[in-house]
């Protein structure tokens, strides 16, 4: 907009100067902001560089320690591990030097930062590491699928290059873990078509595991491979051995170039026969001479050892006695009557000719074939190109694997073994399972029906579980304001929550709130002064307080029982309030703590949380209860302006309660005395560890402020995890598997007993106000209470008031039968307040809410 023509020029010039000054200031601020951001970024980068240098230094120290351990344990057998570790340490040591050089040359630093990668590392520096990882990785998986041949595998050199490009991008700890990984015991011997190949493959796999494990006993390795010519050249032997154990079922399990050393007649006891019936012995069979180093050269190979001196020398070398190869072992088993088949697991032994008397064995036995093969591994030795076993070891393994058929078996397996005894033509347990599978597994239709029924049950639980919640929210589901909730509606909602949805949570919340009252120093001091905090009176005081709270929470506001309970609480508190021994803040904290614990316990331990409608109902109830108890709300922030609804009131009351605990709750001697009387003395018959566990369980339900004020122990990590696990499992069970409660759990009895008073259920080890009956005195619960050191109804005469309680006289013994006139007057005031139908609305159904100051009559 242009200024008028008669506008003074100096004014226009002045405004232009001001605008120019503002622009310069904006530019300066922008430059300053940019400079500060740049400095912050540089400082952060320098900090990260420093942290990385420290981490690299720690990694280098760890690698040096690791190298020292390698040198001590594997320095002689695996020098390649030391070389690889040294090269990694050298790379880490040169990294800080390169960084300082790059800092002196910014252009070079920029170039290195844009092109530096693991691919720039010379392959020679890491060849030993790659070779080690390759060899150890293959050693860690000795028995792969039989169909995987050597042609389809990466060689050592190919795997090294792949490690340089990919594996080195991982952390160094992962590379070290891969290089020294544990051996995994897999076996595919059960897939072989004959017992001879099955035994041979199982033995070779076992030998390869010992050969490739760096932690194997050297004496065991020497004993196992002493007759293998290339044993001392491990690098040359390894790839051949690896290909042998990973060969296919159609390939040979022997290296034809190696000889077969026939010690102790191995390979000659049960030979194969050709078409003419002539025996066929293993080819390239010879007697070990030079390989043992102690035998004299003979004039030719002999198929059987006949020289006595030669046998003595073999005995000194550990190869004395008779020996079998895998074919001999199968022939031995067939001679002993074992019916060997390809799929046999427990083959039948028709005529067991053992060294033990035949009377100890039945005519028909079964042989645990897996146990037999496992027993042969302990004396296994590689006789050149094939495994060998001592005859004595074979006989011992046979006797150990021979099983009696008449061993009593309980359960569905008994029918199967009974049929096995009657069917000699079946040699395999697998065949028996195939023929009688109906005894073991249900049919597909049965499984489908079971799954459908289970899924239907889950859907039914889901629909019924949340049905009450939907019904509670229904009146407010179409836009009705929560501020219009009436006192009667709030009572109906709380009754459903307390009696049907969360009876456990409401009961636990009352107990925790009563316990936390002793964490306020003024309250615990009052309990001590009035004589209620001792072993004799503490139990009755706790039960009286809980009865009054239950009566107030479970009855309508306009009922006589509600008004009597509230009036009795007002009378018992009146003289202490007049003497200022109970402050208004203490009472407001007690009221708010009861509300807070209900919400807290439900949120922490129940299968669902409260909705806004349910929280509003709790707020309406506690506001009415606070007014009837004469508790002022002026400490709450919205007291003057008013609260929007019950949820708003509940939130402010809970926040104020927690803040008050932080300010007032401190550990004192009276607080500790309160806990010792109410907890320790009640559990005096329990052992020390049980009392400690209960104190820790109580501490787990409190926050740090109240736990410290009450001087309770916090549970350890294991106990805490156990408690949390139990809570979570209970949540999941109730939410998904348990149907909703059908009958209501009444907090108090609805009708009086024969004396006109009200009885009370057991809540402690003391039977206060319990009616003596046969079940309450001698039932299972009563017997448990007796075992724990508690009392049963009727004990010690009228000590525990078995006739019941009266709301007009309940309380400490000095106040019994007192205060009737004051209570009647107070009940009339409460009855007048019940005319207010909706505490958070100005108008509801034609009634105007009466303005009542909280607690100020």
Foldseek 3Di string as FASTA:
>chain_A
DDDDPPDDPVVVVVVVVVVVVVVVVVVVVVVVVVVVVVVVVVVVVVVVVVVVLVVLVVVLVVLVVVLVVCCVQPCVPQVLVNLQSVLVSVVSVCVVVVVVVCVVPVVVVVVCVVPPDLVPDDLVSRLSLLLLLVLLLCLQELADAQVDAPVPDDDSVRSSVVCSVPVVVDDPVVSVCSSQPQRDDDADLLVAFFQLSSLFLVLLSVLSNLLSHSPHDPVVNCQAELQAPCSVVSVVVPVVSSRLNSHHNPDDNWDVVKAFAQFQLAQNPQADADPVRHGDGDPNYFHDAPSVPPHDDDDDGDNHDDDPVVLVVCVVVVRHHHKYFSNVLVVVQVVQQFPDGSNFQWTKRQCHPAPPDCVVADRIWTFRVVQLSVQQNVQWHGRTTTIMGHPVSNNVSRVVRIGHLPDDDDDLVNVLSVVCVVDNVDGHSVVSCVVPVVSPDPDPVVVVVVVVVQVVLLVVQQCQLCVVVCVLCVVPPPPDFQLQAWLVSLLVLLQCCCWFNCVPQLVVLLVLLVLLLLLFPLSLVVCVVVVCLAQQRVVQQSVLVLVLVLQCNNDRLLDPSNLLSLLLVLVVCVVCVVVVSQDLVSVLLSLLSSLVSSQVSCVQFALDHDDLSNQLSSLVSSLLSQQLSLRFPVVFPCQPVAAQTSNRNSVSSNVVSVVVLVVGRAADPSLQSNCCSVQVSLQVLPDPVVSLLVLQVSLCSDDPSSCRSSVTDHDDPVSNVVVSVVSVVNNVCSNRPDHTDDGTDRQFDPAADPVRAGAHDDDGLERARAADDCCQCPNPVNVVSVVSPGDTPCPPHCSRPPNHDDSNARDDPVRGPPDNVSSVVSSVVSNVQSVQTRQSDQDHPHDGHDDDGRSDD
